Amino acid sequence: MKAKIQDEKIVGVNDYVCFKADCEICGKIIDINWTEWNNSIKEITIQSGGSDPQYQEIQVILASDCWID
């Protein structure tokens, strides 16, 4: 599955995107799903924090809130 992010760019699983949490974070897309409340909006599941599992975080972000830096 693909998702449209800011600037009309299309991304898929294993692509890297940035998003704003407490600060700007970049991570790898590990899943893309439709939201339950609106079938036209996609959620992106992003893994950030590097390759060490101890520091990895999983975030679920709306595709429209992501960009490529």
C-alpha atoms as a PDB file:
ATOM      1  CA  MET A   1       0.000   0.000   0.000  1.00  0.00           C
ATOM      2  CA  LYS A   2       1.151   3.549  -0.730  1.00  0.00           C
ATOM      3  CA  ALA A   3       0.311   6.846   0.977  1.00  0.00           C
ATOM      4  CA  LYS A   4       0.389  10.469  -0.126  1.00  0.00           C
ATOM      5  CA  ILE A   5       2.301  12.754   2.257  1.00  0.00           C
ATOM      6  CA  GLN A   6       2.949  16.517   2.271  1.00  0.00           C
ATOM      7  CA  ASP A   7       3.935  18.039  -1.087  1.00  0.00           C
ATOM      8  CA  GLU A   8       1.893  15.304  -2.853  1.00  0.00           C
ATOM      9  CA  LYS A   9       4.769  12.795  -2.617  1.00  0.00           C
ATOM     10  CA  ILE A  10       3.960   9.066  -2.573  1.00  0.00           C
ATOM     11  CA  VAL A  11       5.680   6.760  -0.056  1.00  0.00           C
ATOM     12  CA  GLY A  12       5.491   3.082   0.836  1.00  0.00           C
ATOM     13  CA  VAL A  13       6.724   0.581   3.399  1.00  0.00           C
ATOM     14  CA  ASN A  14      10.514   0.774   3.972  1.00  0.00           C
ATOM     15  CA  ASP A  15      10.681   4.441   2.890  1.00  0.00           C
ATOM     16  CA  TYR A  16      11.945   7.041   5.362  1.00  0.00           C
ATOM     17  CA  VAL A  17       9.877  10.094   6.335  1.00  0.00           C
ATOM     18  CA  CYS A  18      10.036  12.881   8.912  1.00  0.00           C
ATOM     19  CA  PHE A  19       7.301  14.082  11.253  1.00  0.00           C
ATOM     20  CA  LYS A  20       6.860  16.408  14.216  1.00  0.00           C
ATOM     21  CA  ALA A  21       6.416  14.916  17.697  1.00  0.00           C
ATOM     22  CA  ASP A  22       8.028  16.803  20.597  1.00  0.00           C
ATOM     23  CA  CYS A  23      10.739  17.543  18.039  1.00  0.00           C
ATOM     24  CA  GLU A  24      11.311  16.623  14.394  1.00  0.00           C
ATOM     25  CA  ILE A  25      11.913  12.881  14.017  1.00  0.00           C
ATOM     26  CA  CYS A  26      12.699  10.756  10.977  1.00  0.00           C
ATOM     27  CA  GLY A  27      11.983   7.053  10.762  1.00  0.00           C
ATOM     28  CA  LYS A  28      11.266   4.079   8.543  1.00  0.00           C
ATOM     29  CA  ILE A  29       7.702   3.252   7.492  1.00  0.00           C
ATOM     30  CA  ILE A  30       6.817  -0.258   8.661  1.00  0.00           C
ATOM     31  CA  ASP A  31       3.061  -0.245   7.908  1.00  0.00           C
ATOM     32  CA  ILE A  32       0.358   1.852   6.207  1.00  0.00           C
ATOM     33  CA  ASN A  33      -3.335   1.529   7.125  1.00  0.00           C
ATOM     34  CA  TRP A  34      -6.641   3.304   6.587  1.00  0.00           C
ATOM     35  CA  THR A  35      -7.960   5.145   9.632  1.00  0.00           C
ATOM     36  CA  GLU A  36     -11.033   3.583  11.201  1.00  0.00           C
ATOM     37  CA  TRP A  37     -13.052   6.801  11.243  1.00  0.00           C
ATOM     38  CA  ASN A  38     -12.346   8.013   7.692  1.00  0.00           C
ATOM     39  CA  ASN A  39     -11.459   5.659   4.862  1.00  0.00           C
ATOM     40  CA  SER A  40      -9.836   8.458   2.839  1.00  0.00           C
ATOM     41  CA  ILE A  41      -7.065   9.183   5.378  1.00  0.00           C
ATOM     42  CA  LYS A  42      -4.085   6.892   5.863  1.00  0.00           C
ATOM     43  CA  GLU A  43      -2.045   6.292   8.999  1.00  0.00           C
ATOM     44  CA  ILE A  44       1.653   5.494   8.736  1.00  0.00           C
ATOM     45  CA  THR A  45       3.382   3.378  11.382  1.00  0.00           C
ATOM     46  CA  ILE A  46       6.973   4.571  11.754  1.00  0.00           C
ATOM     47  CA  GLN A  47       9.912   2.962  13.542  1.00  0.00           C
ATOM     48  CA  SER A  48      12.511   5.450  14.741  1.00  0.00           C
ATOM     49  CA  GLY A  49      15.505   5.381  17.056  1.00  0.00           C
ATOM     50  CA  GLY A  50      18.080   3.451  15.022  1.00  0.00           C
ATOM     51  CA  SER A  51      18.899  -0.214  14.755  1.00  0.00           C
ATOM     52  CA  ASP A  52      19.282  -0.961  18.487  1.00  0.00           C
ATOM     53  CA  PRO A  53      15.914  -2.398  19.667  1.00  0.00           C
ATOM     54  CA  GLN A  54      16.433  -0.853  23.107  1.00  0.00           C
ATOM     55  CA  TYR A  55      16.056   2.655  21.633  1.00  0.00           C
ATOM     56  CA  GLN A  56      13.443   2.022  18.945  1.00  0.00           C
ATOM     57  CA  GLU A  57      10.044   3.674  19.164  1.00  0.00           C
ATOM     58  CA  ILE A  58       6.890   2.995  17.175  1.00  0.00           C
ATOM     59  CA  GLN A  59       4.724   5.986  16.235  1.00  0.00           C
ATOM     60  CA  VAL A  60       1.427   6.051  14.327  1.00  0.00           C
ATOM     61  CA  ILE A  61       1.140   9.294  12.372  1.00  0.00           C
ATOM     62  CA  LEU A  62      -1.314  10.575   9.772  1.00  0.00           C
ATOM     63  CA  ALA A  63       0.276  10.452   6.338  1.00  0.00           C
ATOM     64  CA  SER A  64      -0.594  14.126   5.803  1.00  0.00           C
ATOM     65  CA  ASP A  65       1.653  15.026   8.768  1.00  0.00           C
ATOM     66  CA  CYS A  66       4.774  13.454   7.231  1.00  0.00           C
ATOM     67  CA  TRP A  67       7.337  14.805   4.788  1.00  0.00           C
ATOM     68  CA  ILE A  68      10.614  13.780   3.133  1.00  0.00           C
ATOM     69  CA  ASP A  69      13.595  15.836   4.209  1.00  0.00           C
END
